[in-house]
N, C-alpha and C. Protein backbone atom coordinates (compact mmCIF):
# COMPACT_ATOMS: atom_id res chain seq x y z
N UNK A 1 0.79 -1.19 0.06
CA UNK A 1 0.04 0.02 -0.12
C UNK A 1 0.94 1.27 0.00
N UNK A 2 1.91 1.32 0.79
CA UNK A 2 2.79 2.36 0.96
C UNK A 2 3.46 2.69 -0.46
N UNK A 3 3.84 1.67 -1.04
CA UNK A 3 4.50 1.81 -2.57
C UNK A 3 3.51 2.40 -3.33
N UNK A 4 2.18 2.20 -3.12
CA UNK A 4 1.26 2.75 -4.16
C UNK A 4 0.87 4.19 -3.78
N UNK A 5 0.90 4.56 -2.48
CA UNK A 5 0.43 5.89 -2.15
C UNK A 5 1.48 6.96 -2.09
N UNK A 6 2.58 6.45 -1.74
CA UNK A 6 3.84 7.18 -1.49
C UNK A 6 4.08 8.29 -2.65
N UNK A 7 4.00 7.91 -3.90
CA UNK A 7 4.30 8.85 -4.98
C UNK A 7 3.37 9.93 -5.17
N UNK A 8 1.99 9.70 -4.73
CA UNK A 8 1.01 10.61 -4.76
C UNK A 8 1.23 11.77 -3.57
N UNK A 9 1.73 11.36 -2.59
CA UNK A 9 1.84 12.25 -1.39
C UNK A 9 3.25 13.00 -1.41
N UNK A 10 4.30 12.62 -2.21
CA UNK A 10 5.60 13.28 -2.32
C UNK A 10 5.71 13.90 -3.81
N UNK A 11 6.56 14.95 -3.79
CA UNK A 11 6.74 15.70 -4.89
C UNK A 11 8.07 16.56 -5.00
N UNK A 12 8.56 16.84 -6.05
CA UNK A 12 9.62 17.80 -6.09
C UNK A 12 9.13 19.13 -6.39
N UNK A 13 9.47 20.24 -5.64
CA UNK A 13 8.93 21.46 -5.87
C UNK A 13 9.42 22.11 -7.18
N UNK A 14 8.55 22.78 -7.96
CA UNK A 14 8.81 23.25 -9.20
C UNK A 14 10.09 24.18 -9.33
N UNK A 15 10.35 24.82 -8.25
CA UNK A 15 11.50 25.69 -8.23
C UNK A 15 12.90 25.03 -7.79
N UNK A 16 12.78 23.72 -7.67
CA UNK A 16 13.80 22.92 -7.23
C UNK A 16 13.89 22.70 -5.68
N UNK A 17 14.88 22.19 -5.05
CA UNK A 17 14.86 21.92 -3.60
C UNK A 17 14.53 20.58 -3.36
N UNK A 18 14.60 20.35 -1.99
CA UNK A 18 14.50 18.85 -1.54
C UNK A 18 12.95 18.43 -1.72
N UNK A 19 12.77 17.21 -1.93
CA UNK A 19 11.44 16.56 -1.93
C UNK A 19 10.51 16.95 -0.86
N UNK A 20 9.36 17.22 -1.07
CA UNK A 20 8.32 17.60 -0.13
C UNK A 20 7.07 16.70 -0.07
N UNK A 21 6.26 16.75 0.76
CA UNK A 21 4.89 15.95 0.68
C UNK A 21 3.77 16.80 1.00
N UNK A 22 2.59 16.44 0.55
CA UNK A 22 1.32 16.94 0.72
C UNK A 22 0.77 16.38 2.14
N UNK A 23 0.17 17.14 2.92
CA UNK A 23 -0.34 16.73 4.17
C UNK A 23 -1.47 15.72 4.05
N UNK A 24 -2.37 16.12 3.08
CA UNK A 24 -3.60 15.30 2.92
C UNK A 24 -3.92 15.25 1.41
N UNK A 25 -4.34 14.01 0.95
CA UNK A 25 -4.73 13.81 -0.38
C UNK A 25 -6.19 13.43 -0.64
N UNK A 26 -6.65 13.77 -1.70
CA UNK A 26 -8.09 13.31 -2.04
C UNK A 26 -8.21 11.78 -1.92
N UNK A 27 -9.31 11.41 -1.79
CA UNK A 27 -9.62 9.84 -1.62
C UNK A 27 -9.12 9.04 -2.73
N UNK A 28 -9.13 9.65 -3.92
CA UNK A 28 -8.54 8.79 -5.23
C UNK A 28 -7.14 9.31 -5.47
N UNK A 29 -6.59 9.91 -4.57
CA UNK A 29 -5.08 10.31 -4.69
C UNK A 29 -4.70 11.27 -5.97
N UNK A 30 -5.87 11.87 -6.56
CA UNK A 30 -5.72 12.59 -7.78
C UNK A 30 -5.18 14.06 -7.47
N UNK A 31 -5.44 14.58 -6.27
CA UNK A 31 -5.02 15.90 -5.96
C UNK A 31 -4.83 16.09 -4.37
N UNK A 32 -4.01 16.98 -4.14
CA UNK A 32 -3.91 17.26 -2.64
C UNK A 32 -5.18 17.94 -2.06
N UNK A 33 -5.69 17.42 -0.97
CA UNK A 33 -6.77 18.05 -0.19
C UNK A 33 -6.19 19.14 0.50
N UNK A 34 -5.03 18.95 1.04
CA UNK A 34 -4.32 20.19 1.79
C UNK A 34 -2.86 20.11 1.24
N UNK A 35 -2.43 21.19 0.58
CA UNK A 35 -1.10 21.33 -0.21
C UNK A 35 0.00 21.48 0.56
N UNK A 36 -0.15 22.03 1.89
CA UNK A 36 1.02 22.15 2.76
C UNK A 36 1.48 20.86 3.39
N UNK A 37 2.70 20.95 3.96
CA UNK A 37 3.23 19.78 4.73
C UNK A 37 3.09 19.99 6.14
N UNK A 38 2.65 18.93 6.87
CA UNK A 38 2.53 19.11 8.21
C UNK A 38 3.90 19.19 9.03
N UNK A 39 4.21 19.70 10.05
CA UNK A 39 5.26 19.89 10.86
C UNK A 39 5.95 18.65 11.05
N UNK A 40 5.31 17.43 11.36
CA UNK A 40 5.88 16.21 11.61
C UNK A 40 5.69 15.16 10.50
N UNK A 41 5.21 15.53 9.49
CA UNK A 41 4.72 14.44 8.48
C UNK A 41 6.04 13.60 8.05
N UNK A 42 7.13 14.23 7.56
CA UNK A 42 8.27 13.30 7.17
C UNK A 42 8.60 12.45 8.37
N UNK A 43 8.61 12.82 9.63
CA UNK A 43 8.99 11.99 10.59
C UNK A 43 7.96 10.90 10.81
N UNK A 44 6.71 11.11 10.89
CA UNK A 44 5.65 10.19 10.83
C UNK A 44 5.98 8.97 9.71
N UNK A 45 6.19 9.39 8.57
CA UNK A 45 6.44 8.56 7.38
C UNK A 45 7.80 7.74 7.56
N UNK A 46 8.85 8.43 8.11
CA UNK A 46 10.09 7.76 8.31
C UNK A 46 9.84 6.51 9.32
N UNK A 47 9.29 6.88 10.32
CA UNK A 47 9.30 5.90 11.43
C UNK A 47 8.37 4.93 11.09
N UNK A 48 7.18 5.17 10.47
CA UNK A 48 6.26 4.18 10.11
C UNK A 48 6.79 3.24 9.15
N UNK A 49 7.51 3.89 8.04
CA UNK A 49 8.13 2.89 7.11
C UNK A 49 9.20 2.16 7.54
N UNK A 50 9.94 2.72 8.57
CA UNK A 50 10.94 1.89 9.09
C UNK A 50 10.46 0.71 10.04
N UNK A 51 9.45 0.89 10.75
CA UNK A 51 8.74 -0.09 11.54
C UNK A 51 8.28 -1.17 10.59
N UNK A 52 7.52 -0.77 9.55
CA UNK A 52 7.02 -1.76 8.63
C UNK A 52 8.22 -2.59 7.82
N UNK A 53 9.26 -1.86 7.57
CA UNK A 53 10.47 -2.59 6.87
C UNK A 53 10.91 -3.54 7.91
N UNK A 54 11.10 -3.22 9.04
CA UNK A 54 11.67 -4.16 10.16
C UNK A 54 10.71 -5.42 10.20
N UNK A 55 9.53 -5.09 10.39
CA UNK A 55 8.49 -6.11 10.67
C UNK A 55 8.46 -7.13 9.37
N UNK A 56 8.39 -6.56 8.17
CA UNK A 56 8.49 -7.36 6.96
C UNK A 56 9.74 -8.37 7.02
N UNK A 57 10.94 -7.67 7.45
CA UNK A 57 12.15 -8.60 7.47
C UNK A 57 12.06 -9.68 8.48
N UNK A 58 11.60 -9.28 9.67
CA UNK A 58 11.31 -10.30 10.86
C UNK A 58 10.49 -11.38 10.47
N UNK A 59 9.41 -11.13 9.77
CA UNK A 59 8.46 -12.04 9.37
C UNK A 59 8.85 -12.80 8.11
N UNK A 60 9.86 -12.38 7.33
CA UNK A 60 10.30 -13.10 6.17
C UNK A 60 9.47 -12.87 4.95
N UNK A 61 8.56 -12.01 5.09
CA UNK A 61 7.47 -11.73 3.98
C UNK A 61 8.02 -11.05 2.72
N UNK A 62 8.98 -10.17 3.04
CA UNK A 62 9.53 -9.47 1.76
C UNK A 62 11.00 -9.46 1.82
N UNK A 63 11.59 -8.95 0.66
CA UNK A 63 12.96 -8.96 0.64
C UNK A 63 13.42 -7.73 1.58
N UNK A 64 14.69 -7.86 1.59
CA UNK A 64 15.32 -6.83 2.52
C UNK A 64 15.23 -5.48 2.12
N UNK A 65 14.93 -5.26 0.76
CA UNK A 65 14.98 -3.97 0.25
C UNK A 65 13.53 -3.23 0.29
N UNK A 66 12.57 -3.93 0.71
CA UNK A 66 11.29 -3.40 0.70
C UNK A 66 11.26 -1.98 1.33
N UNK A 67 10.51 -1.05 0.61
CA UNK A 67 10.27 0.36 1.08
C UNK A 67 11.67 1.18 1.09
N UNK A 68 12.72 0.76 0.57
CA UNK A 68 14.03 1.42 0.73
C UNK A 68 13.86 2.75 0.00
N UNK A 69 13.43 2.80 -1.22
CA UNK A 69 13.25 4.05 -1.92
C UNK A 69 12.34 5.18 -1.21
N UNK A 70 11.23 4.51 -0.52
CA UNK A 70 10.26 5.49 0.16
C UNK A 70 10.88 5.79 1.43
N UNK A 71 11.63 5.06 2.13
CA UNK A 71 12.35 5.41 3.31
C UNK A 71 13.42 6.44 2.98
N UNK A 72 14.21 6.34 1.99
CA UNK A 72 15.08 7.14 1.50
C UNK A 72 14.53 8.67 1.36
N UNK A 73 13.29 8.60 0.70
CA UNK A 73 12.74 9.96 0.49
C UNK A 73 12.29 10.70 1.79
N UNK A 74 11.73 9.79 2.67
CA UNK A 74 11.48 10.38 4.08
C UNK A 74 12.62 10.73 4.79
N UNK A 75 13.69 9.88 4.71
CA UNK A 75 14.92 10.40 5.54
C UNK A 75 15.41 11.69 4.93
N UNK A 76 15.38 11.91 3.57
CA UNK A 76 15.90 13.23 3.11
C UNK A 76 15.15 14.41 3.56
N UNK A 77 13.76 14.19 3.67
CA UNK A 77 13.04 15.35 4.17
C UNK A 77 13.32 15.56 5.59
N UNK A 78 13.45 14.51 6.50
CA UNK A 78 13.91 14.67 7.90
C UNK A 78 15.26 15.46 7.96
N UNK A 79 16.20 14.89 7.16
CA UNK A 79 17.45 15.48 7.21
C UNK A 79 17.54 17.00 6.99
N UNK A 80 16.68 17.35 6.09
CA UNK A 80 16.56 18.84 5.65
C UNK A 80 15.90 19.62 6.83
N UNK A 81 14.92 19.00 7.59
CA UNK A 81 14.08 19.79 8.45
C UNK A 81 14.47 19.68 9.87
N UNK A 82 15.18 18.67 10.47
CA UNK A 82 15.30 18.39 11.85
C UNK A 82 15.93 19.55 12.71
N UNK A 83 16.88 20.06 12.17
CA UNK A 83 17.79 21.19 12.89
C UNK A 83 16.92 22.33 13.10
N UNK A 84 15.85 22.58 12.34
CA UNK A 84 15.06 23.83 12.51
C UNK A 84 13.65 23.49 13.15
N UNK A 85 13.56 22.31 13.70
CA UNK A 85 12.28 21.93 14.38
C UNK A 85 11.88 22.96 15.49
N UNK A 86 10.65 23.30 15.46
CA UNK A 86 10.17 24.10 16.61
C UNK A 86 8.68 23.85 16.60
N UNK A 87 8.21 23.98 17.93
CA UNK A 87 6.71 23.88 18.05
C UNK A 87 6.42 24.38 19.43
N UNK A 88 5.17 25.05 19.59
CA UNK A 88 4.61 25.37 20.87
C UNK A 88 3.28 24.60 21.19
N UNK A 89 3.09 23.69 20.34
CA UNK A 89 1.82 22.81 20.37
C UNK A 89 2.07 21.60 21.23
N UNK A 90 1.45 21.43 22.33
CA UNK A 90 1.61 20.23 23.25
C UNK A 90 1.46 18.88 22.44
N UNK A 91 0.42 18.76 21.62
CA UNK A 91 0.22 17.54 20.86
C UNK A 91 1.43 17.33 19.91
N UNK A 92 1.91 18.34 19.28
CA UNK A 92 2.98 18.20 18.25
C UNK A 92 4.12 17.71 19.16
N UNK A 93 4.45 18.48 20.27
CA UNK A 93 5.71 18.07 21.17
C UNK A 93 5.56 16.62 21.51
N UNK A 94 4.45 16.15 21.97
CA UNK A 94 4.32 14.78 22.49
C UNK A 94 4.56 13.84 21.40
N UNK A 95 3.85 14.15 20.23
CA UNK A 95 4.12 13.16 19.02
C UNK A 95 5.53 13.16 18.71
N UNK A 96 6.18 14.25 18.66
CA UNK A 96 7.65 14.34 18.36
C UNK A 96 8.45 13.39 19.25
N UNK A 97 8.16 13.57 20.64
CA UNK A 97 8.69 12.57 21.53
C UNK A 97 8.51 11.17 21.30
N UNK A 98 7.35 10.84 20.98
CA UNK A 98 6.90 9.45 20.65
C UNK A 98 7.66 9.00 19.39
N UNK A 99 7.60 9.90 18.33
CA UNK A 99 8.32 9.46 17.12
C UNK A 99 9.88 9.20 17.30
N UNK A 100 10.48 10.16 17.96
CA UNK A 100 11.86 10.08 18.27
C UNK A 100 12.36 9.01 19.16
N UNK A 101 11.46 8.48 19.99
CA UNK A 101 11.85 7.30 20.86
C UNK A 101 12.22 6.13 20.13
N UNK A 102 11.65 6.02 18.88
CA UNK A 102 11.72 4.75 18.08
C UNK A 102 13.20 4.67 17.68
N UNK A 103 13.82 5.83 17.54
CA UNK A 103 15.28 5.81 16.70
C UNK A 103 16.23 6.72 17.57
N UNK A 104 15.90 6.95 19.02
CA UNK A 104 16.83 7.78 19.68
C UNK A 104 18.42 7.52 19.60
N UNK A 105 18.68 6.10 19.71
CA UNK A 105 20.06 5.68 19.58
C UNK A 105 20.64 5.60 18.24
N UNK A 106 19.76 5.72 17.16
CA UNK A 106 20.25 5.52 15.83
C UNK A 106 20.26 6.79 14.91
N UNK A 107 20.07 7.87 15.39
CA UNK A 107 20.08 9.11 14.36
C UNK A 107 20.15 10.39 15.19
N UNK A 108 20.77 11.32 14.61
CA UNK A 108 20.98 12.64 15.14
C UNK A 108 19.68 13.39 15.19
N UNK A 109 18.68 13.01 14.17
CA UNK A 109 17.49 13.82 14.12
C UNK A 109 16.66 13.31 15.35
N UNK A 110 16.62 12.10 15.63
CA UNK A 110 15.86 11.70 16.80
C UNK A 110 16.37 12.37 18.06
N UNK A 111 17.58 12.29 18.34
CA UNK A 111 18.12 13.01 19.60
C UNK A 111 17.96 14.51 19.50
N UNK A 112 17.90 15.14 18.38
CA UNK A 112 17.64 16.58 18.32
C UNK A 112 16.18 16.86 18.53
N UNK A 113 15.36 16.11 18.03
CA UNK A 113 13.80 16.33 18.03
C UNK A 113 13.57 16.12 19.41
N UNK A 114 13.95 15.09 20.06
CA UNK A 114 13.63 14.77 21.53
C UNK A 114 13.96 15.96 22.45
N UNK A 115 15.29 16.21 22.35
CA UNK A 115 15.87 17.27 23.23
C UNK A 115 15.11 18.62 22.89
N UNK A 116 14.87 18.92 21.63
CA UNK A 116 14.24 20.27 21.58
C UNK A 116 12.77 20.14 21.98
N UNK A 117 12.04 19.14 21.83
CA UNK A 117 10.61 18.91 22.28
C UNK A 117 10.63 19.05 23.77
N UNK A 118 11.54 18.46 24.57
CA UNK A 118 11.53 18.58 25.93
C UNK A 118 11.62 20.02 26.46
N UNK A 119 12.71 20.70 25.58
CA UNK A 119 12.88 22.13 25.97
C UNK A 119 11.62 22.97 25.62
N UNK A 120 10.93 22.71 24.58
CA UNK A 120 9.82 23.59 24.26
C UNK A 120 8.69 23.23 25.19
N UNK A 121 8.61 21.91 25.54
CA UNK A 121 7.50 21.68 26.64
C UNK A 121 7.85 22.29 28.09
N UNK A 122 9.17 22.28 28.39
CA UNK A 122 9.59 23.07 29.64
C UNK A 122 9.16 24.45 29.49
N UNK A 123 9.29 25.11 28.40
CA UNK A 123 9.00 26.40 28.15
C UNK A 123 7.43 26.55 28.28
N UNK A 124 6.63 25.73 27.72
CA UNK A 124 5.21 25.82 27.94
C UNK A 124 4.84 25.74 29.54
N UNK A 125 5.55 25.01 30.14
CA UNK A 125 5.20 24.76 31.71
C UNK A 125 5.61 26.01 32.35
N UNK A 126 6.88 26.31 32.27
CA UNK A 126 7.64 27.34 32.99
C UNK A 126 7.17 28.75 32.49
N UNK A 127 7.55 29.06 31.29
CA UNK A 127 7.39 30.50 30.94
C UNK A 127 6.11 30.86 30.32
N UNK A 128 5.40 29.97 29.73
CA UNK A 128 4.23 30.32 29.17
C UNK A 128 2.89 30.08 29.99
N UNK A 129 3.15 29.21 30.99
CA UNK A 129 1.97 28.70 31.93
C UNK A 129 0.83 28.12 31.19
N UNK A 130 1.06 27.40 30.06
CA UNK A 130 0.00 26.64 29.28
C UNK A 130 -0.75 25.74 30.18
N UNK A 131 -0.01 24.99 30.99
CA UNK A 131 -0.71 23.95 31.69
C UNK A 131 -1.34 24.40 33.06
N UNK A 132 -1.08 25.66 33.26
CA UNK A 132 -1.84 26.38 34.43
C UNK A 132 -3.20 27.14 33.97
N UNK A 133 -3.49 27.15 32.70
CA UNK A 133 -4.72 27.78 32.19
C UNK A 133 -5.89 26.95 32.62
N UNK A 134 -6.97 27.74 32.69
CA UNK A 134 -8.24 26.99 32.94
C UNK A 134 -8.64 25.97 32.02
N UNK A 135 -9.24 24.85 32.29
CA UNK A 135 -9.56 23.82 31.36
C UNK A 135 -10.27 24.25 30.13
N UNK A 136 -11.10 25.08 30.35
CA UNK A 136 -11.87 25.58 29.11
C UNK A 136 -11.06 26.18 27.99
N UNK A 137 -9.80 26.54 28.20
CA UNK A 137 -8.97 26.99 27.22
C UNK A 137 -7.94 25.89 26.69
N UNK A 138 -8.04 24.84 27.19
CA UNK A 138 -7.19 23.59 26.89
C UNK A 138 -7.82 22.60 26.17
N UNK A 139 -7.06 21.67 25.28
CA UNK A 139 -7.87 20.62 24.66
C UNK A 139 -7.30 19.39 25.11
N UNK A 140 -8.14 18.34 25.64
CA UNK A 140 -7.64 17.08 26.23
C UNK A 140 -6.77 16.37 25.26
N UNK A 141 -7.31 16.20 24.08
CA UNK A 141 -6.50 15.34 23.28
C UNK A 141 -4.97 15.88 22.87
N UNK A 142 -4.85 17.19 22.97
CA UNK A 142 -3.38 17.79 22.94
C UNK A 142 -2.59 17.41 24.15
N UNK A 143 -3.08 17.33 25.24
CA UNK A 143 -2.48 17.01 26.39
C UNK A 143 -2.32 15.53 26.55
N UNK A 144 -3.19 14.71 25.95
CA UNK A 144 -3.03 13.29 25.89
C UNK A 144 -1.70 12.97 25.05
N UNK A 145 -1.67 13.70 24.03
CA UNK A 145 -0.40 13.57 23.05
C UNK A 145 0.93 13.85 23.81
N UNK A 146 0.77 14.95 24.70
CA UNK A 146 1.88 15.31 25.43
C UNK A 146 2.24 14.23 26.51
N UNK A 147 1.21 13.55 27.06
CA UNK A 147 1.41 12.61 28.02
C UNK A 147 2.03 11.32 27.38
N UNK A 148 1.61 10.96 26.22
CA UNK A 148 2.16 9.80 25.68
C UNK A 148 3.57 9.91 25.28
N UNK A 149 3.99 11.28 24.71
CA UNK A 149 5.29 11.40 24.33
C UNK A 149 6.25 11.43 25.61
N UNK A 150 5.80 12.12 26.77
CA UNK A 150 6.60 11.99 28.01
C UNK A 150 6.77 10.63 28.56
N UNK A 151 5.73 9.77 28.36
CA UNK A 151 5.73 8.45 28.89
C UNK A 151 6.89 7.49 28.19
N UNK A 152 7.05 7.69 27.02
CA UNK A 152 8.13 6.87 26.18
C UNK A 152 9.51 7.56 26.13
N UNK A 153 9.66 8.89 26.37
CA UNK A 153 10.83 9.46 26.30
C UNK A 153 11.65 9.12 27.36
N UNK A 154 12.91 8.87 27.23
CA UNK A 154 13.96 8.54 28.19
C UNK A 154 14.44 9.72 28.86
N UNK A 155 14.19 10.94 28.48
CA UNK A 155 14.77 12.14 29.15
C UNK A 155 13.83 12.99 29.87
N UNK A 156 12.82 12.52 30.40
CA UNK A 156 11.71 13.15 30.97
C UNK A 156 11.83 13.34 32.41
N UNK A 157 12.65 12.57 33.08
CA UNK A 157 12.69 12.71 34.47
C UNK A 157 12.78 14.03 34.96
N UNK A 158 13.74 14.79 34.63
CA UNK A 158 13.90 16.23 35.20
C UNK A 158 12.75 17.06 34.83
N UNK A 159 12.23 17.02 33.71
CA UNK A 159 11.00 17.92 33.41
C UNK A 159 9.87 17.49 34.18
N UNK A 160 9.73 16.23 34.44
CA UNK A 160 8.49 15.74 35.19
C UNK A 160 8.72 16.13 36.79
N UNK A 161 9.96 16.00 37.27
CA UNK A 161 10.37 16.42 38.61
C UNK A 161 10.04 17.94 38.76
N UNK A 162 10.38 18.69 38.02
CA UNK A 162 10.54 20.15 37.91
C UNK A 162 9.06 20.70 38.00
N UNK A 163 8.18 19.89 37.40
CA UNK A 163 6.74 20.40 37.19
C UNK A 163 5.77 19.53 38.00
N UNK A 164 6.16 18.61 38.83
CA UNK A 164 5.47 17.96 39.83
C UNK A 164 4.44 16.97 39.11
N UNK A 165 5.03 16.34 38.11
CA UNK A 165 4.29 15.28 37.41
C UNK A 165 4.35 13.97 37.91
């Protein structure tokens, strides 16, 4: 399935530059439903593709090169973007922690995204007071994402202690 849909989601910008991807496609994949690229889309793709690659190898259902071209596309997008990663969205930061935990010991991008996300979350707690706002101004699913990311990240002990979590 990935081999069929990946080409519809990825494209070379007309003015040149690195490969990009569309955030959402029409159901028939004929055109972008949202033409921008989400902040974490390349990371989502890379982690998903690598998990599926590994599973296929483990199960012996595909050759060892399955999804290699698609994974290379995602890795190239991640390599271009990871050093400038920024977010002040608790859901995005939690998802970034969750994504990076899969490859924390295998790539600079994962370490950078994890460390940056923890720093931005600390800012949300300490400087912006996001988590002190009344509940009517917050969204549970965003904080659920934060919680998931914090639970899988290996570097959260200090952040959690500092904020009585």
